[in-house]
């Protein structure tokens, strides 16, 4: 894909904030390394409590406002400080937590195609869902539109799942995520996507 001609003057952006997304700023971010090329999109899945959709808990987690006593599961993640750049709800709503020019805390220990510390050079996108399960059609629409916006402003050349950059440690978004459908919507070439030898999940029948 061609690199953006002028990343400072791309319609739809105010700095690293996408104007079409609802902003919910997170305190969990830092500076990217000097000269880092933001060229990787990482797709995750999350739901809190697991398998429960539509509530405020994910947004509360990313903004350090989650009530740890509200559900027994939350004891397992008590005190966790994490974030992603974007969150796509089951109904397609897009929420942005971190300026894309900054480093969100979503990937953890990770490596993609020879480069470690993927937080340094990636954009984290969380889909509301349970790893291994299917996602809603409207989520793919929002995701593909978001990817196109990102590629217009940043030198994006690859997209992968959390499971691909942290194999054996993470399993999201899992086998229910339809990589072929996303590629069809985006029209990006094969090398932009995880290849079979990179652990791409088998699609559900």
N, C-alpha and C. Protein backbone atom coordinates (compact mmCIF):
# COMPACT_ATOMS: atom_id res chain seq x y z
N UNK A 1 0.84 -1.19 0.00
CA UNK A 1 0.00 0.00 0.00
C UNK A 1 0.87 1.24 0.00
N UNK A 2 0.40 2.27 -0.64
CA UNK A 2 1.16 3.51 -0.71
C UNK A 2 1.14 4.23 0.63
N UNK A 3 2.26 4.85 0.97
CA UNK A 3 2.33 5.61 2.21
C UNK A 3 1.56 6.92 2.06
N UNK A 4 0.97 7.41 3.14
CA UNK A 4 0.25 8.68 3.07
C UNK A 4 1.17 9.80 2.59
N UNK A 5 0.64 10.65 1.72
CA UNK A 5 1.45 11.73 1.18
C UNK A 5 1.70 12.82 2.22
N UNK A 6 0.69 13.12 3.02
CA UNK A 6 0.83 14.17 4.04
C UNK A 6 0.00 13.76 5.24
N UNK A 7 0.65 13.07 6.18
CA UNK A 7 -0.06 12.52 7.32
C UNK A 7 -0.60 13.59 8.26
N UNK A 8 -0.12 14.82 8.12
CA UNK A 8 -0.58 15.89 9.02
C UNK A 8 -1.86 16.56 8.53
N UNK A 9 -2.30 16.22 7.32
CA UNK A 9 -3.46 16.91 6.75
C UNK A 9 -4.39 15.89 6.08
N UNK A 10 -4.81 14.89 6.85
CA UNK A 10 -5.69 13.84 6.34
C UNK A 10 -7.10 14.09 6.86
N UNK A 11 -8.09 14.19 5.99
CA UNK A 11 -9.47 14.43 6.44
C UNK A 11 -9.93 13.36 7.42
N UNK A 12 -10.71 13.80 8.40
CA UNK A 12 -11.26 12.88 9.38
C UNK A 12 -10.43 12.71 10.64
N UNK A 13 -9.27 13.35 10.67
CA UNK A 13 -8.38 13.25 11.83
C UNK A 13 -8.12 14.63 12.43
N UNK A 14 -8.02 14.66 13.76
CA UNK A 14 -7.50 15.81 14.48
C UNK A 14 -6.29 15.31 15.25
N UNK A 15 -5.11 15.54 14.70
CA UNK A 15 -3.94 14.88 15.24
C UNK A 15 -4.13 13.37 15.10
N UNK A 16 -3.88 12.66 16.17
CA UNK A 16 -4.05 11.20 16.16
C UNK A 16 -5.41 10.75 16.63
N UNK A 17 -6.38 11.65 16.67
CA UNK A 17 -7.75 11.31 17.09
C UNK A 17 -8.66 11.29 15.86
N UNK A 18 -9.39 10.19 15.71
CA UNK A 18 -10.33 10.04 14.60
C UNK A 18 -11.63 10.73 14.97
N UNK A 19 -12.06 11.67 14.17
CA UNK A 19 -13.21 12.49 14.55
C UNK A 19 -14.52 11.72 14.56
N UNK A 20 -14.61 10.62 13.82
CA UNK A 20 -15.85 9.84 13.79
C UNK A 20 -16.01 8.89 14.97
N UNK A 21 -14.99 8.76 15.80
CA UNK A 21 -15.05 7.89 16.97
C UNK A 21 -15.45 8.70 18.20
N UNK A 22 -16.16 8.05 19.12
CA UNK A 22 -16.43 8.69 20.41
C UNK A 22 -15.16 8.62 21.25
N UNK A 23 -14.76 9.74 21.80
CA UNK A 23 -13.53 9.80 22.58
C UNK A 23 -13.79 9.50 24.05
N UNK A 24 -12.96 8.61 24.60
CA UNK A 24 -13.01 8.27 26.02
C UNK A 24 -11.56 8.11 26.48
N UNK A 25 -10.86 9.22 26.71
CA UNK A 25 -9.42 9.18 26.92
C UNK A 25 -8.99 8.30 28.11
N UNK A 26 -7.98 7.49 27.85
CA UNK A 26 -7.41 6.61 28.87
C UNK A 26 -6.11 7.21 29.40
N UNK A 27 -5.83 7.02 30.70
CA UNK A 27 -4.54 7.47 31.23
C UNK A 27 -3.43 6.47 30.95
N UNK A 28 -3.79 5.32 30.36
CA UNK A 28 -2.82 4.24 30.19
C UNK A 28 -2.19 4.30 28.79
N UNK A 29 -1.15 5.11 28.67
CA UNK A 29 -0.46 5.24 27.39
C UNK A 29 0.91 5.85 27.66
N UNK A 30 1.74 5.85 26.63
CA UNK A 30 3.06 6.45 26.74
C UNK A 30 3.53 6.90 25.38
N UNK A 31 4.74 7.41 25.33
CA UNK A 31 5.31 7.88 24.07
C UNK A 31 5.84 6.69 23.27
N UNK A 32 5.69 6.78 21.97
CA UNK A 32 6.33 5.79 21.10
C UNK A 32 7.82 6.11 21.00
N UNK A 33 8.65 5.11 20.68
CA UNK A 33 10.08 5.40 20.49
C UNK A 33 10.29 6.40 19.36
N UNK A 34 11.29 7.23 19.45
CA UNK A 34 11.56 8.19 18.38
C UNK A 34 11.69 7.49 17.03
N UNK A 35 11.00 8.03 16.03
CA UNK A 35 11.11 7.48 14.69
C UNK A 35 10.32 6.22 14.43
N UNK A 36 9.51 5.78 15.39
CA UNK A 36 8.75 4.55 15.20
C UNK A 36 7.74 4.71 14.06
N UNK A 37 7.72 3.74 13.15
CA UNK A 37 6.75 3.74 12.05
C UNK A 37 5.51 2.98 12.51
N UNK A 38 4.37 3.64 12.49
CA UNK A 38 3.12 3.01 12.94
C UNK A 38 2.55 2.25 11.75
N UNK A 39 2.95 0.98 11.63
CA UNK A 39 2.66 0.24 10.40
C UNK A 39 1.93 -1.08 10.61
N UNK A 40 1.53 -1.39 11.84
CA UNK A 40 0.86 -2.65 12.14
C UNK A 40 -0.44 -2.40 12.88
N UNK A 41 -1.51 -3.10 12.47
CA UNK A 41 -2.77 -3.09 13.20
C UNK A 41 -2.90 -4.43 13.91
N UNK A 42 -3.22 -4.40 15.19
CA UNK A 42 -3.41 -5.63 15.97
C UNK A 42 -4.87 -5.71 16.40
N UNK A 43 -5.52 -6.82 16.03
CA UNK A 43 -6.93 -7.04 16.37
C UNK A 43 -7.02 -7.92 17.61
N UNK A 44 -7.80 -7.48 18.58
CA UNK A 44 -8.03 -8.21 19.83
C UNK A 44 -9.53 -8.48 19.98
N UNK A 45 -9.86 -9.26 20.99
CA UNK A 45 -11.26 -9.36 21.42
C UNK A 45 -11.31 -9.29 22.93
N UNK A 46 -12.41 -8.72 23.44
CA UNK A 46 -12.55 -8.56 24.88
C UNK A 46 -14.04 -8.45 25.22
N UNK A 47 -14.40 -8.97 26.37
CA UNK A 47 -15.72 -8.77 26.95
C UNK A 47 -15.59 -8.91 28.45
N UNK A 48 -16.33 -8.10 29.18
CA UNK A 48 -16.28 -8.11 30.64
C UNK A 48 -17.69 -8.02 31.21
N UNK A 49 -18.02 -8.99 32.13
CA UNK A 49 -17.32 -10.26 32.34
C UNK A 49 -17.28 -11.06 31.04
N UNK A 50 -16.43 -12.08 30.92
CA UNK A 50 -16.30 -12.81 29.67
C UNK A 50 -17.65 -13.32 29.15
N UNK A 51 -17.94 -12.99 27.88
CA UNK A 51 -19.18 -13.43 27.26
C UNK A 51 -20.37 -12.53 27.51
N UNK A 52 -20.18 -11.47 28.28
CA UNK A 52 -21.26 -10.52 28.57
C UNK A 52 -21.00 -9.25 27.76
N UNK A 53 -22.00 -8.83 27.00
CA UNK A 53 -21.84 -7.71 26.08
C UNK A 53 -22.76 -6.54 26.44
N UNK A 54 -22.34 -5.35 26.00
CA UNK A 54 -23.21 -4.19 26.07
C UNK A 54 -23.05 -3.32 27.29
N UNK A 55 -22.31 -3.76 28.28
CA UNK A 55 -22.15 -2.98 29.49
C UNK A 55 -21.00 -2.00 29.42
N UNK A 56 -20.78 -1.25 30.50
CA UNK A 56 -19.73 -0.23 30.50
C UNK A 56 -18.37 -0.74 30.96
N UNK A 57 -18.26 -2.04 31.27
CA UNK A 57 -17.08 -2.52 31.97
C UNK A 57 -15.78 -2.40 31.17
N UNK A 58 -15.82 -2.66 29.87
CA UNK A 58 -14.59 -2.56 29.08
C UNK A 58 -14.10 -1.12 29.05
N UNK A 59 -15.00 -0.20 28.82
CA UNK A 59 -14.62 1.22 28.84
C UNK A 59 -14.11 1.62 30.21
N UNK A 60 -14.72 1.11 31.25
CA UNK A 60 -14.26 1.40 32.61
C UNK A 60 -12.87 0.83 32.85
N UNK A 61 -12.60 -0.37 32.33
CA UNK A 61 -11.27 -0.97 32.50
C UNK A 61 -10.21 -0.10 31.85
N UNK A 62 -10.46 0.34 30.62
CA UNK A 62 -9.45 1.09 29.88
C UNK A 62 -9.26 2.50 30.44
N UNK A 63 -10.19 2.98 31.24
CA UNK A 63 -10.07 4.32 31.82
C UNK A 63 -9.84 4.27 33.33
N UNK A 64 -9.48 3.08 33.84
CA UNK A 64 -9.15 2.88 35.26
C UNK A 64 -10.31 3.22 36.20
N UNK A 65 -11.54 2.91 35.75
CA UNK A 65 -12.71 3.19 36.56
C UNK A 65 -13.52 1.94 36.91
N UNK A 66 -12.98 0.75 36.61
CA UNK A 66 -13.72 -0.48 36.84
C UNK A 66 -13.83 -0.76 38.34
N UNK A 67 -15.03 -1.11 38.78
CA UNK A 67 -15.27 -1.50 40.17
C UNK A 67 -14.86 -2.96 40.32
N UNK A 68 -13.73 -3.19 40.96
CA UNK A 68 -13.20 -4.55 41.07
C UNK A 68 -14.11 -5.47 41.88
N UNK A 69 -15.01 -4.90 42.66
CA UNK A 69 -15.90 -5.70 43.50
C UNK A 69 -17.22 -6.04 42.80
N UNK A 70 -17.42 -5.53 41.57
CA UNK A 70 -18.72 -5.67 40.92
C UNK A 70 -19.00 -7.07 40.39
N UNK A 71 -17.95 -7.86 40.20
CA UNK A 71 -18.15 -9.23 39.67
C UNK A 71 -16.98 -10.09 40.12
N UNK A 72 -17.22 -11.35 40.45
CA UNK A 72 -16.12 -12.21 40.94
C UNK A 72 -14.95 -12.31 39.96
N UNK A 73 -15.24 -12.27 38.65
CA UNK A 73 -14.15 -12.40 37.67
C UNK A 73 -13.15 -11.26 37.78
N UNK A 74 -13.62 -10.09 38.18
CA UNK A 74 -12.75 -8.92 38.19
C UNK A 74 -11.60 -9.06 39.17
N UNK A 75 -11.71 -9.97 40.13
CA UNK A 75 -10.61 -10.21 41.07
C UNK A 75 -9.37 -10.71 40.33
N UNK A 76 -9.59 -11.41 39.21
CA UNK A 76 -8.47 -11.95 38.43
C UNK A 76 -7.68 -10.86 37.71
N UNK A 77 -8.31 -9.73 37.48
CA UNK A 77 -7.65 -8.65 36.74
C UNK A 77 -7.49 -7.40 37.60
N UNK A 78 -7.70 -7.54 38.89
CA UNK A 78 -7.64 -6.38 39.80
C UNK A 78 -6.33 -5.62 39.62
N UNK A 79 -6.44 -4.33 39.49
CA UNK A 79 -5.27 -3.47 39.39
C UNK A 79 -4.65 -3.38 38.01
N UNK A 80 -5.19 -4.11 37.05
CA UNK A 80 -4.61 -4.10 35.71
C UNK A 80 -4.77 -2.73 35.07
N UNK A 81 -3.71 -2.25 34.46
CA UNK A 81 -3.74 -0.97 33.75
C UNK A 81 -3.41 -1.24 32.28
N UNK A 82 -4.45 -1.24 31.46
CA UNK A 82 -4.30 -1.56 30.04
C UNK A 82 -5.12 -0.57 29.21
N UNK A 83 -4.90 -0.61 27.91
CA UNK A 83 -5.67 0.24 27.01
C UNK A 83 -5.52 -0.30 25.59
N UNK A 84 -6.42 0.11 24.74
CA UNK A 84 -6.24 -0.06 23.30
C UNK A 84 -6.51 1.30 22.68
N UNK A 85 -6.14 1.46 21.43
CA UNK A 85 -6.46 2.72 20.78
C UNK A 85 -7.96 2.81 20.51
N UNK A 86 -8.55 1.67 20.08
CA UNK A 86 -9.96 1.67 19.70
C UNK A 86 -10.68 0.45 20.26
N UNK A 87 -12.00 0.59 20.41
CA UNK A 87 -12.88 -0.49 20.85
C UNK A 87 -14.13 -0.45 19.97
N UNK A 88 -14.48 -1.60 19.39
CA UNK A 88 -15.66 -1.69 18.54
C UNK A 88 -16.69 -2.58 19.22
N UNK A 89 -17.82 -1.98 19.59
CA UNK A 89 -18.88 -2.71 20.28
C UNK A 89 -19.64 -3.62 19.31
N UNK A 90 -20.48 -4.49 19.87
CA UNK A 90 -21.24 -5.43 19.05
C UNK A 90 -22.17 -4.71 18.08
N UNK A 91 -22.61 -3.51 18.44
CA UNK A 91 -23.51 -2.75 17.56
C UNK A 91 -22.75 -1.87 16.58
N UNK A 92 -21.42 -1.98 16.55
CA UNK A 92 -20.61 -1.23 15.62
C UNK A 92 -20.11 0.10 16.13
N UNK A 93 -20.50 0.51 17.33
CA UNK A 93 -20.01 1.79 17.86
C UNK A 93 -18.50 1.75 18.01
N UNK A 94 -17.86 2.86 17.64
CA UNK A 94 -16.41 2.98 17.71
C UNK A 94 -16.02 3.97 18.80
N UNK A 95 -15.18 3.51 19.71
CA UNK A 95 -14.69 4.34 20.81
C UNK A 95 -13.18 4.40 20.73
N UNK A 96 -12.62 5.59 20.88
CA UNK A 96 -11.16 5.75 20.89
C UNK A 96 -10.70 6.16 22.27
N UNK A 97 -9.67 5.48 22.77
CA UNK A 97 -9.13 5.71 24.11
C UNK A 97 -7.78 6.41 24.10
N UNK A 98 -6.98 6.18 23.07
CA UNK A 98 -5.61 6.69 23.05
C UNK A 98 -5.32 7.31 21.68
N UNK A 99 -4.68 8.45 21.69
CA UNK A 99 -4.18 9.09 20.48
C UNK A 99 -3.31 8.08 19.72
N UNK A 100 -3.57 7.88 18.43
CA UNK A 100 -2.80 6.88 17.69
C UNK A 100 -1.33 7.25 17.61
N UNK A 101 -1.00 8.51 17.72
CA UNK A 101 0.41 8.90 17.72
C UNK A 101 1.12 8.45 19.00
N UNK A 102 0.36 8.05 20.00
CA UNK A 102 0.92 7.58 21.27
C UNK A 102 0.88 6.05 21.32
N UNK A 103 1.54 5.51 22.30
CA UNK A 103 1.70 4.06 22.50
C UNK A 103 0.66 3.57 23.51
N UNK A 104 -0.31 2.80 23.05
CA UNK A 104 -1.28 2.19 23.96
C UNK A 104 -0.71 0.90 24.54
N UNK A 105 -1.33 0.41 25.60
CA UNK A 105 -0.83 -0.77 26.31
C UNK A 105 -1.74 -1.95 26.03
N UNK A 106 -1.58 -2.57 24.86
CA UNK A 106 -2.50 -3.62 24.44
C UNK A 106 -1.82 -4.93 24.06
N UNK A 107 -0.58 -4.89 23.60
CA UNK A 107 0.04 -6.09 23.02
C UNK A 107 0.80 -6.93 24.03
N UNK A 108 1.43 -6.30 25.00
CA UNK A 108 2.27 -7.04 25.94
C UNK A 108 3.50 -7.60 25.24
N UNK A 109 4.07 -8.66 25.83
CA UNK A 109 5.22 -9.32 25.20
C UNK A 109 4.79 -9.86 23.84
N UNK A 110 5.46 -9.43 22.78
CA UNK A 110 4.95 -9.71 21.44
C UNK A 110 6.06 -9.58 20.41
N UNK A 111 5.82 -10.20 19.26
CA UNK A 111 6.76 -10.11 18.14
C UNK A 111 6.00 -10.38 16.85
N UNK A 112 6.26 -9.58 15.82
CA UNK A 112 5.62 -9.79 14.53
C UNK A 112 6.63 -9.60 13.42
N UNK A 113 6.85 -10.67 12.67
CA UNK A 113 7.76 -10.66 11.52
C UNK A 113 9.11 -10.05 11.86
N UNK A 114 9.65 -10.54 12.99
CA UNK A 114 11.01 -10.18 13.37
C UNK A 114 11.15 -8.96 14.25
N UNK A 115 10.05 -8.26 14.52
CA UNK A 115 10.11 -7.08 15.38
C UNK A 115 9.36 -7.34 16.67
N UNK A 116 10.02 -7.12 17.78
CA UNK A 116 9.41 -7.34 19.09
C UNK A 116 8.78 -6.05 19.60
N UNK A 117 8.15 -6.13 20.78
CA UNK A 117 7.53 -4.97 21.41
C UNK A 117 6.56 -4.27 20.46
N UNK A 118 5.53 -5.01 20.06
CA UNK A 118 4.60 -4.49 19.05
C UNK A 118 3.86 -3.24 19.48
N UNK A 119 3.75 -2.99 20.78
CA UNK A 119 3.12 -1.74 21.21
C UNK A 119 3.81 -0.53 20.60
N UNK A 120 5.12 -0.66 20.36
CA UNK A 120 5.89 0.49 19.87
C UNK A 120 5.45 0.96 18.50
N UNK A 121 4.97 0.02 17.65
CA UNK A 121 4.73 0.38 16.25
C UNK A 121 3.35 -0.05 15.76
N UNK A 122 2.44 -0.35 16.68
CA UNK A 122 1.14 -0.86 16.25
C UNK A 122 -0.02 -0.01 16.76
N UNK A 123 -1.18 -0.27 16.16
CA UNK A 123 -2.45 0.30 16.59
C UNK A 123 -3.28 -0.86 17.14
N UNK A 124 -3.75 -0.75 18.36
CA UNK A 124 -4.55 -1.81 18.97
C UNK A 124 -6.04 -1.56 18.81
N UNK A 125 -6.75 -2.55 18.28
CA UNK A 125 -8.20 -2.45 18.09
C UNK A 125 -8.86 -3.63 18.79
N UNK A 126 -9.70 -3.36 19.77
CA UNK A 126 -10.43 -4.39 20.50
C UNK A 126 -11.83 -4.52 19.93
N UNK A 127 -12.24 -5.75 19.66
CA UNK A 127 -13.62 -6.04 19.27
C UNK A 127 -14.35 -6.63 20.46
N UNK A 128 -15.55 -6.14 20.72
CA UNK A 128 -16.34 -6.71 21.79
C UNK A 128 -16.77 -8.12 21.39
N UNK A 129 -16.24 -9.10 22.08
CA UNK A 129 -16.52 -10.48 21.73
C UNK A 129 -15.68 -11.43 22.55
N UNK A 130 -15.98 -12.69 22.42
CA UNK A 130 -15.29 -13.74 23.16
C UNK A 130 -14.38 -14.49 22.21
N UNK A 131 -13.13 -14.69 22.60
CA UNK A 131 -12.19 -15.34 21.70
C UNK A 131 -12.72 -16.70 21.24
N UNK A 132 -12.61 -16.95 19.94
CA UNK A 132 -13.11 -18.19 19.37
C UNK A 132 -14.53 -18.11 18.87
N UNK A 133 -15.29 -17.13 19.32
CA UNK A 133 -16.68 -16.99 18.90
C UNK A 133 -16.78 -16.01 17.72
N UNK A 134 -17.96 -15.95 17.12
CA UNK A 134 -18.15 -15.10 15.95
C UNK A 134 -18.37 -13.64 16.35
N UNK A 135 -18.15 -12.78 15.38
CA UNK A 135 -18.36 -11.35 15.56
C UNK A 135 -19.48 -10.89 14.63
N UNK A 136 -20.04 -9.73 14.93
CA UNK A 136 -21.19 -9.22 14.18
C UNK A 136 -20.75 -8.58 12.86
N UNK A 137 -21.62 -8.67 11.85
CA UNK A 137 -21.32 -8.09 10.54
C UNK A 137 -21.01 -6.60 10.65
N UNK A 138 -21.75 -5.89 11.50
CA UNK A 138 -21.53 -4.46 11.62
C UNK A 138 -20.17 -4.16 12.24
N UNK A 139 -19.63 -5.08 13.04
CA UNK A 139 -18.29 -4.87 13.58
C UNK A 139 -17.24 -4.91 12.48
N UNK A 140 -17.42 -5.80 11.50
CA UNK A 140 -16.48 -5.85 10.37
C UNK A 140 -16.56 -4.58 9.54
N UNK A 141 -17.76 -4.04 9.39
CA UNK A 141 -17.91 -2.79 8.64
C UNK A 141 -17.16 -1.67 9.33
N UNK A 142 -17.37 -1.55 10.65
CA UNK A 142 -16.65 -0.51 11.40
C UNK A 142 -15.15 -0.74 11.36
N UNK A 143 -14.74 -2.01 11.51
CA UNK A 143 -13.31 -2.33 11.51
C UNK A 143 -12.67 -2.00 10.17
N UNK A 144 -13.30 -2.39 9.08
CA UNK A 144 -12.70 -2.13 7.77
C UNK A 144 -12.64 -0.63 7.49
N UNK A 145 -13.67 0.10 7.88
CA UNK A 145 -13.65 1.56 7.70
C UNK A 145 -12.53 2.18 8.52
N UNK A 146 -12.37 1.71 9.76
CA UNK A 146 -11.31 2.21 10.63
C UNK A 146 -9.93 1.91 10.03
N UNK A 147 -9.74 0.70 9.53
CA UNK A 147 -8.46 0.34 8.92
C UNK A 147 -8.14 1.24 7.73
N UNK A 148 -9.15 1.58 6.96
CA UNK A 148 -8.93 2.47 5.82
C UNK A 148 -8.54 3.88 6.29
N UNK A 149 -9.19 4.35 7.35
CA UNK A 149 -8.81 5.65 7.91
C UNK A 149 -7.37 5.61 8.41
N UNK A 150 -7.00 4.54 9.07
CA UNK A 150 -5.63 4.43 9.58
C UNK A 150 -4.61 4.39 8.46
N UNK A 151 -4.92 3.64 7.40
CA UNK A 151 -3.98 3.53 6.28
C UNK A 151 -3.85 4.84 5.51
N UNK A 152 -4.84 5.72 5.65
CA UNK A 152 -4.76 7.02 4.99
C UNK A 152 -3.81 7.97 5.71
N UNK A 153 -3.58 7.72 7.00
CA UNK A 153 -2.74 8.64 7.78
C UNK A 153 -1.41 8.02 8.20
N UNK A 154 -1.33 6.69 8.28
CA UNK A 154 -0.13 6.01 8.76
C UNK A 154 0.34 4.99 7.73
N UNK A 155 1.62 4.62 7.75
CA UNK A 155 2.16 3.67 6.77
C UNK A 155 1.83 2.21 7.10
N UNK A 156 0.55 1.92 7.26
CA UNK A 156 0.11 0.57 7.62
C UNK A 156 0.48 -0.41 6.50
N UNK A 157 1.14 -1.50 6.88
CA UNK A 157 1.45 -2.53 5.88
C UNK A 157 1.11 -3.94 6.34
N UNK A 158 0.52 -4.07 7.54
CA UNK A 158 0.16 -5.40 8.02
C UNK A 158 -0.93 -5.30 9.08
N UNK A 159 -1.72 -6.36 9.19
CA UNK A 159 -2.74 -6.49 10.23
C UNK A 159 -2.69 -7.92 10.73
N UNK A 160 -2.72 -8.10 12.04
CA UNK A 160 -2.61 -9.42 12.65
C UNK A 160 -3.47 -9.48 13.89
N UNK A 161 -3.71 -10.68 14.38
CA UNK A 161 -4.43 -10.86 15.63
C UNK A 161 -3.47 -10.91 16.81
N UNK A 162 -4.00 -10.70 17.99
CA UNK A 162 -3.18 -10.81 19.19
C UNK A 162 -2.55 -12.20 19.27
N UNK A 163 -3.31 -13.21 18.82
CA UNK A 163 -2.81 -14.58 18.83
C UNK A 163 -1.60 -14.76 17.92
N UNK A 164 -1.47 -13.93 16.89
CA UNK A 164 -0.35 -14.06 15.96
C UNK A 164 0.91 -13.40 16.48
N UNK A 165 0.75 -12.32 17.24
CA UNK A 165 1.94 -11.61 17.74
C UNK A 165 2.37 -12.12 19.11
N UNK A 166 1.50 -12.91 19.76
CA UNK A 166 1.85 -13.51 21.05
C UNK A 166 1.37 -14.96 21.08
N UNK A 167 1.86 -15.79 20.13
CA UNK A 167 1.38 -17.17 20.02
C UNK A 167 1.67 -17.98 21.29
N UNK A 168 0.68 -18.76 21.69
CA UNK A 168 0.83 -19.56 22.90
C UNK A 168 0.46 -18.83 24.16
N UNK A 169 0.51 -17.51 24.12
CA UNK A 169 0.14 -16.69 25.29
C UNK A 169 -1.26 -16.12 25.14
N UNK A 170 -1.64 -15.75 23.91
CA UNK A 170 -2.94 -15.17 23.65
C UNK A 170 -3.66 -15.95 22.55
N UNK A 171 -4.99 -15.98 22.62
CA UNK A 171 -5.78 -16.71 21.64
C UNK A 171 -6.83 -15.84 20.94
N UNK A 172 -6.77 -14.55 21.15
CA UNK A 172 -7.79 -13.68 20.55
C UNK A 172 -7.28 -13.04 19.27
N UNK A 173 -8.17 -12.73 18.34
CA UNK A 173 -9.63 -12.88 18.42
C UNK A 173 -10.13 -14.31 18.22
N UNK A 174 -9.28 -15.21 17.73
CA UNK A 174 -9.66 -16.61 17.67
C UNK A 174 -10.29 -17.05 16.37
N UNK A 175 -10.71 -18.33 16.35
CA UNK A 175 -11.18 -18.95 15.12
C UNK A 175 -12.48 -18.37 14.60
N UNK A 176 -13.23 -17.67 15.43
CA UNK A 176 -14.48 -17.07 14.97
C UNK A 176 -14.29 -15.80 14.16
N UNK A 177 -13.07 -15.28 14.13
CA UNK A 177 -12.83 -14.05 13.38
C UNK A 177 -12.61 -14.39 11.92
N UNK A 178 -13.30 -13.72 11.02
CA UNK A 178 -13.28 -14.02 9.59
C UNK A 178 -12.28 -13.12 8.87
N UNK A 179 -11.05 -13.60 8.80
CA UNK A 179 -10.00 -12.83 8.14
C UNK A 179 -10.28 -12.64 6.66
N UNK A 180 -10.85 -13.67 6.02
CA UNK A 180 -11.14 -13.58 4.59
C UNK A 180 -12.16 -12.48 4.30
N UNK A 181 -13.17 -12.37 5.16
CA UNK A 181 -14.17 -11.33 4.97
C UNK A 181 -13.56 -9.94 5.13
N UNK A 182 -12.68 -9.79 6.12
CA UNK A 182 -12.03 -8.49 6.32
C UNK A 182 -11.16 -8.15 5.11
N UNK A 183 -10.41 -9.12 4.61
CA UNK A 183 -9.57 -8.86 3.45
C UNK A 183 -10.40 -8.48 2.24
N UNK A 184 -11.53 -9.14 2.07
CA UNK A 184 -12.40 -8.82 0.94
C UNK A 184 -12.92 -7.39 1.05
N UNK A 185 -13.30 -6.99 2.25
CA UNK A 185 -13.80 -5.63 2.44
C UNK A 185 -12.72 -4.59 2.20
N UNK A 186 -11.51 -4.89 2.63
CA UNK A 186 -10.43 -3.92 2.51
C UNK A 186 -9.79 -3.91 1.12
N UNK A 187 -9.71 -5.09 0.49
CA UNK A 187 -9.03 -5.18 -0.79
C UNK A 187 -7.53 -5.09 -0.68
N UNK A 188 -6.98 -5.35 0.50
CA UNK A 188 -5.53 -5.30 0.70
C UNK A 188 -4.91 -6.62 0.25
N UNK A 189 -3.66 -6.61 -0.21
CA UNK A 189 -3.02 -7.83 -0.71
C UNK A 189 -2.70 -8.83 0.40
N UNK A 190 -2.50 -10.08 0.01
CA UNK A 190 -2.25 -11.17 0.95
C UNK A 190 -1.15 -10.89 1.96
N UNK A 191 0.01 -10.30 1.55
CA UNK A 191 1.09 -10.11 2.52
C UNK A 191 0.72 -9.22 3.71
N UNK A 192 -0.37 -8.46 3.60
CA UNK A 192 -0.81 -7.61 4.71
C UNK A 192 -1.43 -8.42 5.84
N UNK A 193 -1.80 -9.67 5.57
CA UNK A 193 -2.55 -10.48 6.51
C UNK A 193 -1.73 -11.66 7.00
N UNK A 194 -2.10 -12.24 8.16
CA UNK A 194 -1.38 -13.41 8.66
C UNK A 194 -1.45 -14.55 7.64
N UNK A 195 -0.31 -15.20 7.44
CA UNK A 195 -0.23 -16.33 6.53
C UNK A 195 -0.37 -17.63 7.32
N UNK A 196 -0.70 -18.75 6.64
CA UNK A 196 -0.91 -20.01 7.36
C UNK A 196 0.24 -20.42 8.28
N UNK A 197 1.47 -20.15 7.85
CA UNK A 197 2.61 -20.54 8.70
C UNK A 197 2.85 -19.57 9.84
N UNK A 198 2.02 -18.52 9.92
CA UNK A 198 2.10 -17.58 11.03
C UNK A 198 1.00 -17.82 12.05
N UNK A 199 0.37 -18.99 11.95
CA UNK A 199 -0.58 -19.38 12.97
C UNK A 199 -1.97 -18.83 12.79
N UNK A 200 -2.37 -18.46 11.57
CA UNK A 200 -3.72 -17.96 11.35
C UNK A 200 -4.73 -19.03 11.75
N UNK A 201 -5.79 -18.66 12.46
CA UNK A 201 -6.75 -19.64 12.95
C UNK A 201 -7.61 -20.24 11.85
N UNK A 202 -8.08 -21.44 12.08
CA UNK A 202 -9.00 -22.07 11.17
C UNK A 202 -10.39 -21.50 11.39
N UNK A 203 -11.09 -21.15 10.30
CA UNK A 203 -12.40 -20.56 10.42
C UNK A 203 -13.43 -21.60 10.88
N UNK A 204 -14.43 -21.15 11.61
CA UNK A 204 -15.52 -22.02 12.01
C UNK A 204 -16.35 -22.38 10.79
N UNK A 205 -16.88 -23.59 10.77
CA UNK A 205 -17.71 -24.03 9.65
C UNK A 205 -19.05 -23.32 9.70
